[in-house]
Amino acid sequence: MSVHAVLARPVFRTSSGRHAKPRPAWPRVAGRAVFLVAALICTVAVLGFGWPPALLAIPAAAFLLLVAGVAKLRTASRQIDTIFAEELSDIPVRSTR
């Protein structure tokens, strides 16, 4: 995106108030379904092969690390976007007349 397009765009954050447009629910539903299927597969594999149930901690820990990493990346991305928006809003716009 060009600097002029960024300057023309409003700097406001996504509205999260009472009248905010709701986000689509399908990504959350799909994520939960994938998690439940993966948990079921891991449980069946551990119990089916006669492995110790403590091995279920490994996929659970991997999932928690993935979720924490994604949350940190999203937070960092928002902060970087805010910093760039503030910096670009301070640049005076020159007239080409």
C-alpha atoms as a PDB file:
ATOM      1  CA  MET A   1       0.000   0.000   0.000  1.00  0.00           C
ATOM      2  CA  SER A   2       1.385   3.396  -0.880  1.00  0.00           C
ATOM      3  CA  VAL A   3       2.038   6.102   1.658  1.00  0.00           C
ATOM      4  CA  HIS A   4      -0.709   8.260   0.140  1.00  0.00           C
ATOM      5  CA  ALA A   5      -3.245   5.468   0.476  1.00  0.00           C
ATOM      6  CA  VAL A   6      -2.262   4.951   4.108  1.00  0.00           C
ATOM      7  CA  LEU A   7      -2.578   8.656   4.814  1.00  0.00           C
ATOM      8  CA  ALA A   8      -6.026   8.759   3.225  1.00  0.00           C
ATOM      9  CA  ARG A   9      -7.215   5.816   5.321  1.00  0.00           C
ATOM     10  CA  PRO A  10      -8.619   6.606   8.778  1.00  0.00           C
ATOM     11  CA  VAL A  11      -6.369   5.606  11.674  1.00  0.00           C
ATOM     12  CA  PHE A  12      -9.183   4.399  13.927  1.00  0.00           C
ATOM     13  CA  ARG A  13      -8.929   0.960  15.451  1.00  0.00           C
ATOM     14  CA  THR A  14     -11.499  -1.737  14.797  1.00  0.00           C
ATOM     15  CA  SER A  15     -14.667  -0.891  16.655  1.00  0.00           C
ATOM     16  CA  SER A  16     -15.358  -3.182  19.573  1.00  0.00           C
ATOM     17  CA  GLY A  17     -18.282  -1.384  21.151  1.00  0.00           C
ATOM     18  CA  ARG A  18     -21.928  -2.278  21.410  1.00  0.00           C
ATOM     19  CA  HIS A  19     -22.675  -1.498  17.769  1.00  0.00           C
ATOM     20  CA  ALA A  20     -19.594  -3.169  16.312  1.00  0.00           C
ATOM     21  CA  LYS A  21     -20.141  -5.538  13.438  1.00  0.00           C
ATOM     22  CA  PRO A  22     -19.743  -9.094  14.705  1.00  0.00           C
ATOM     23  CA  ARG A  23     -16.914 -11.139  13.264  1.00  0.00           C
ATOM     24  CA  PRO A  24     -17.740 -14.371  11.455  1.00  0.00           C
ATOM     25  CA  ALA A  25     -17.971 -17.379  13.745  1.00  0.00           C
ATOM     26  CA  TRP A  26     -16.838 -20.058  11.292  1.00  0.00           C
ATOM     27  CA  PRO A  27     -13.073 -19.718  12.011  1.00  0.00           C
ATOM     28  CA  ARG A  28     -13.653 -20.314  15.719  1.00  0.00           C
ATOM     29  CA  VAL A  29     -16.002 -23.222  15.058  1.00  0.00           C
ATOM     30  CA  ALA A  30     -13.569 -24.788  12.573  1.00  0.00           C
ATOM     31  CA  GLY A  31     -10.654 -24.342  14.981  1.00  0.00           C
ATOM     32  CA  ARG A  32     -12.549 -26.004  17.798  1.00  0.00           C
ATOM     33  CA  ALA A  33     -13.587 -28.871  15.546  1.00  0.00           C
ATOM     34  CA  VAL A  34      -9.992 -29.430  14.415  1.00  0.00           C
ATOM     35  CA  PHE A  35      -8.828 -29.370  18.030  1.00  0.00           C
ATOM     36  CA  LEU A  36     -11.471 -31.888  19.123  1.00  0.00           C
ATOM     37  CA  VAL A  37     -10.679 -34.241  16.223  1.00  0.00           C
ATOM     38  CA  ALA A  38      -6.937 -34.026  16.963  1.00  0.00           C
ATOM     39  CA  ALA A  39      -7.557 -34.673  20.670  1.00  0.00           C
ATOM     40  CA  LEU A  40      -9.728 -37.672  19.824  1.00  0.00           C
ATOM     41  CA  ILE A  41      -7.101 -39.089  17.442  1.00  0.00           C
ATOM     42  CA  CYS A  42      -4.338 -38.653  20.043  1.00  0.00           C
ATOM     43  CA  THR A  43      -6.445 -40.275  22.772  1.00  0.00           C
ATOM     44  CA  VAL A  44      -7.372 -43.237  20.565  1.00  0.00           C
ATOM     45  CA  ALA A  45      -3.746 -43.682  19.477  1.00  0.00           C
ATOM     46  CA  VAL A  46      -2.423 -43.626  23.053  1.00  0.00           C
ATOM     47  CA  LEU A  47      -5.088 -45.974  24.391  1.00  0.00           C
ATOM     48  CA  GLY A  48      -5.112 -48.206  21.303  1.00  0.00           C
ATOM     49  CA  PHE A  49      -1.373 -48.834  21.291  1.00  0.00           C
ATOM     50  CA  GLY A  50      -1.234 -49.343  25.054  1.00  0.00           C
ATOM     51  CA  TRP A  51       1.057 -46.384  25.621  1.00  0.00           C
ATOM     52  CA  PRO A  52       1.096 -44.627  29.006  1.00  0.00           C
ATOM     53  CA  PRO A  53      -1.573 -41.894  29.279  1.00  0.00           C
ATOM     54  CA  ALA A  54       1.117 -39.382  30.254  1.00  0.00           C
ATOM     55  CA  LEU A  55       1.955 -39.179  26.549  1.00  0.00           C
ATOM     56  CA  LEU A  56      -1.233 -37.144  26.063  1.00  0.00           C
ATOM     57  CA  ALA A  57       0.589 -34.245  27.702  1.00  0.00           C
ATOM     58  CA  ILE A  58       2.849 -33.897  24.641  1.00  0.00           C
ATOM     59  CA  PRO A  59       0.132 -32.975  22.085  1.00  0.00           C
ATOM     60  CA  ALA A  60      -1.623 -30.820  24.700  1.00  0.00           C
ATOM     61  CA  ALA A  61       1.592 -28.898  25.394  1.00  0.00           C
ATOM     62  CA  ALA A  62       2.264 -28.469  21.675  1.00  0.00           C
ATOM     63  CA  PHE A  63      -1.243 -27.079  21.165  1.00  0.00           C
ATOM     64  CA  LEU A  64      -0.876 -24.644  24.079  1.00  0.00           C
ATOM     65  CA  LEU A  65       2.468 -23.416  22.732  1.00  0.00           C
ATOM     66  CA  LEU A  66       0.924 -22.897  19.295  1.00  0.00           C
ATOM     67  CA  VAL A  67      -2.005 -20.914  20.711  1.00  0.00           C
ATOM     68  CA  ALA A  68       0.296 -18.774  22.869  1.00  0.00           C
ATOM     69  CA  GLY A  69       2.598 -18.087  19.916  1.00  0.00           C
ATOM     70  CA  VAL A  70      -0.264 -17.018  17.658  1.00  0.00           C
ATOM     71  CA  ALA A  71      -1.670 -14.734  20.362  1.00  0.00           C
ATOM     72  CA  LYS A  72       1.733 -13.079  20.861  1.00  0.00           C
ATOM     73  CA  LEU A  73       2.191 -12.579  17.114  1.00  0.00           C
ATOM     74  CA  ARG A  74      -1.251 -10.999  16.770  1.00  0.00           C
ATOM     75  CA  THR A  75      -0.549  -8.638  19.677  1.00  0.00           C
ATOM     76  CA  ALA A  76       2.831  -7.655  18.238  1.00  0.00           C
ATOM     77  CA  SER A  77       1.274  -7.117  14.806  1.00  0.00           C
ATOM     78  CA  ARG A  78      -1.381  -4.797  16.263  1.00  0.00           C
ATOM     79  CA  GLN A  79       1.258  -2.805  18.139  1.00  0.00           C
ATOM     80  CA  ILE A  80       3.414  -2.424  15.021  1.00  0.00           C
ATOM     81  CA  ASP A  81       0.383  -1.334  12.982  1.00  0.00           C
ATOM     82  CA  THR A  82      -0.489   1.248  15.623  1.00  0.00           C
ATOM     83  CA  ILE A  83       3.055   2.617  15.646  1.00  0.00           C
ATOM     84  CA  PHE A  84       3.160   2.897  11.849  1.00  0.00           C
ATOM     85  CA  ALA A  85      -0.273   4.532  11.757  1.00  0.00           C
ATOM     86  CA  GLU A  86       0.812   7.111  14.334  1.00  0.00           C
ATOM     87  CA  GLU A  87       4.044   7.807  12.477  1.00  0.00           C
ATOM     88  CA  LEU A  88       2.274   8.177   9.134  1.00  0.00           C
ATOM     89  CA  SER A  89      -0.420  10.420  10.594  1.00  0.00           C
ATOM     90  CA  ASP A  90       2.293  12.861  11.714  1.00  0.00           C
ATOM     91  CA  ILE A  91       3.650  13.303   8.163  1.00  0.00           C
ATOM     92  CA  PRO A  92       2.328  16.528   6.613  1.00  0.00           C
ATOM     93  CA  VAL A  93       0.608  16.078   3.264  1.00  0.00           C
ATOM     94  CA  ARG A  94       2.090  18.249   0.490  1.00  0.00           C
ATOM     95  CA  SER A  95      -0.135  19.832  -2.047  1.00  0.00           C
ATOM     96  CA  THR A  96       0.796  19.279  -5.714  1.00  0.00           C
ATOM     97  CA  ARG A  97      -0.835  22.467  -6.919  1.00  0.00           C
END
